[in-house]
């Protein structure tokens, strides 16, 4: 039990150390703005309609922003 906790904490610490510099990065627009930030479904925010669609796992966090 104690060994599992140590492994989990070690993995969490390594992950945090790797991604820590990314907190200062800006948004990189690799995707087409019409598909991401200018999309009507994204602009409508969270509603029942935004849970559907072709990419439901992608729409939810994008709609929160």
C-alpha atoms as a PDB file:
ATOM      1  CA  UNK A   1       0.000   0.000   0.000  1.00  0.00           C
ATOM      2  CA  UNK A   2       2.737   2.440   0.943  1.00  0.00           C
ATOM      3  CA  UNK A   3       4.715   1.530  -2.176  1.00  0.00           C
ATOM      4  CA  UNK A   4       1.703   2.275  -4.403  1.00  0.00           C
ATOM      5  CA  UNK A   5       1.295   5.679  -2.797  1.00  0.00           C
ATOM      6  CA  UNK A   6       4.965   6.452  -3.344  1.00  0.00           C
ATOM      7  CA  UNK A   7       4.747   5.453  -7.011  1.00  0.00           C
ATOM      8  CA  UNK A   8       1.635   7.592  -7.525  1.00  0.00           C
ATOM      9  CA  UNK A   9       3.256  10.602  -5.877  1.00  0.00           C
ATOM     10  CA  UNK A  10       6.407  10.120  -7.930  1.00  0.00           C
ATOM     11  CA  UNK A  11       4.446   9.945 -11.199  1.00  0.00           C
ATOM     12  CA  UNK A  12       2.393  13.004 -10.236  1.00  0.00           C
ATOM     13  CA  UNK A  13       5.565  14.927  -9.375  1.00  0.00           C
ATOM     14  CA  UNK A  14       7.246  14.005 -12.657  1.00  0.00           C
ATOM     15  CA  UNK A  15       4.151  14.983 -14.627  1.00  0.00           C
ATOM     16  CA  UNK A  16       3.899  18.297 -12.785  1.00  0.00           C
ATOM     17  CA  UNK A  17       7.594  19.017 -13.378  1.00  0.00           C
ATOM     18  CA  UNK A  18       7.301  18.306 -17.095  1.00  0.00           C
ATOM     19  CA  UNK A  19       4.187  20.437 -17.679  1.00  0.00           C
ATOM     20  CA  UNK A  20       4.945  23.248 -15.189  1.00  0.00           C
ATOM     21  CA  UNK A  21       6.521  25.553 -17.834  1.00  0.00           C
ATOM     22  CA  UNK A  22       3.380  25.272 -19.987  1.00  0.00           C
ATOM     23  CA  UNK A  23       1.422  27.490 -17.589  1.00  0.00           C
ATOM     24  CA  UNK A  24       3.029  30.536 -19.244  1.00  0.00           C
ATOM     25  CA  UNK A  25       2.386  29.471 -22.828  1.00  0.00           C
ATOM     26  CA  UNK A  26      -0.192  31.303 -24.886  1.00  0.00           C
ATOM     27  CA  UNK A  27      -2.790  29.739 -27.102  1.00  0.00           C
ATOM     28  CA  UNK A  28      -1.377  28.280 -30.300  1.00  0.00           C
ATOM     29  CA  UNK A  29      -3.826  28.425 -33.191  1.00  0.00           C
ATOM     30  CA  UNK A  30      -3.006  25.264 -35.105  1.00  0.00           C
ATOM     31  CA  UNK A  31      -6.672  24.578 -35.706  1.00  0.00           C
ATOM     32  CA  UNK A  32      -8.893  26.592 -37.951  1.00  0.00           C
ATOM     33  CA  UNK A  33     -10.526  29.364 -35.861  1.00  0.00           C
ATOM     34  CA  UNK A  34     -13.848  28.653 -37.589  1.00  0.00           C
ATOM     35  CA  UNK A  35     -13.719  25.162 -36.088  1.00  0.00           C
ATOM     36  CA  UNK A  36     -12.619  26.208 -32.607  1.00  0.00           C
ATOM     37  CA  UNK A  37     -13.083  29.743 -31.250  1.00  0.00           C
ATOM     38  CA  UNK A  38     -15.437  31.052 -33.936  1.00  0.00           C
ATOM     39  CA  UNK A  39     -17.708  27.994 -33.949  1.00  0.00           C
ATOM     40  CA  UNK A  40     -21.373  28.772 -33.244  1.00  0.00           C
ATOM     41  CA  UNK A  41     -21.777  25.737 -30.973  1.00  0.00           C
ATOM     42  CA  UNK A  42     -18.728  26.749 -28.933  1.00  0.00           C
ATOM     43  CA  UNK A  43     -19.904  30.356 -28.673  1.00  0.00           C
ATOM     44  CA  UNK A  44     -23.328  29.239 -27.414  1.00  0.00           C
ATOM     45  CA  UNK A  45     -21.684  27.866 -24.255  1.00  0.00           C
ATOM     46  CA  UNK A  46     -22.915  24.875 -22.318  1.00  0.00           C
ATOM     47  CA  UNK A  47     -26.441  23.784 -23.130  1.00  0.00           C
ATOM     48  CA  UNK A  48     -28.235  20.550 -24.018  1.00  0.00           C
ATOM     49  CA  UNK A  49     -27.414  20.961 -27.690  1.00  0.00           C
ATOM     50  CA  UNK A  50     -23.679  21.254 -27.016  1.00  0.00           C
ATOM     51  CA  UNK A  51     -23.575  17.749 -25.501  1.00  0.00           C
ATOM     52  CA  UNK A  52     -24.379  16.210 -28.895  1.00  0.00           C
ATOM     53  CA  UNK A  53     -22.487  16.463 -32.149  1.00  0.00           C
ATOM     54  CA  UNK A  54     -19.693  14.631 -33.778  1.00  0.00           C
ATOM     55  CA  UNK A  55     -17.031  15.225 -31.116  1.00  0.00           C
ATOM     56  CA  UNK A  56     -18.863  15.232 -27.757  1.00  0.00           C
ATOM     57  CA  UNK A  57     -15.655  14.723 -25.762  1.00  0.00           C
ATOM     58  CA  UNK A  58     -14.180  17.820 -27.412  1.00  0.00           C
ATOM     59  CA  UNK A  59     -17.264  20.069 -27.300  1.00  0.00           C
ATOM     60  CA  UNK A  60     -17.727  19.923 -23.549  1.00  0.00           C
ATOM     61  CA  UNK A  61     -14.408  21.426 -22.377  1.00  0.00           C
ATOM     62  CA  UNK A  62     -14.374  23.873 -25.286  1.00  0.00           C
ATOM     63  CA  UNK A  63     -17.864  25.054 -24.401  1.00  0.00           C
ATOM     64  CA  UNK A  64     -16.805  25.696 -20.803  1.00  0.00           C
ATOM     65  CA  UNK A  65     -14.150  28.161 -21.938  1.00  0.00           C
END
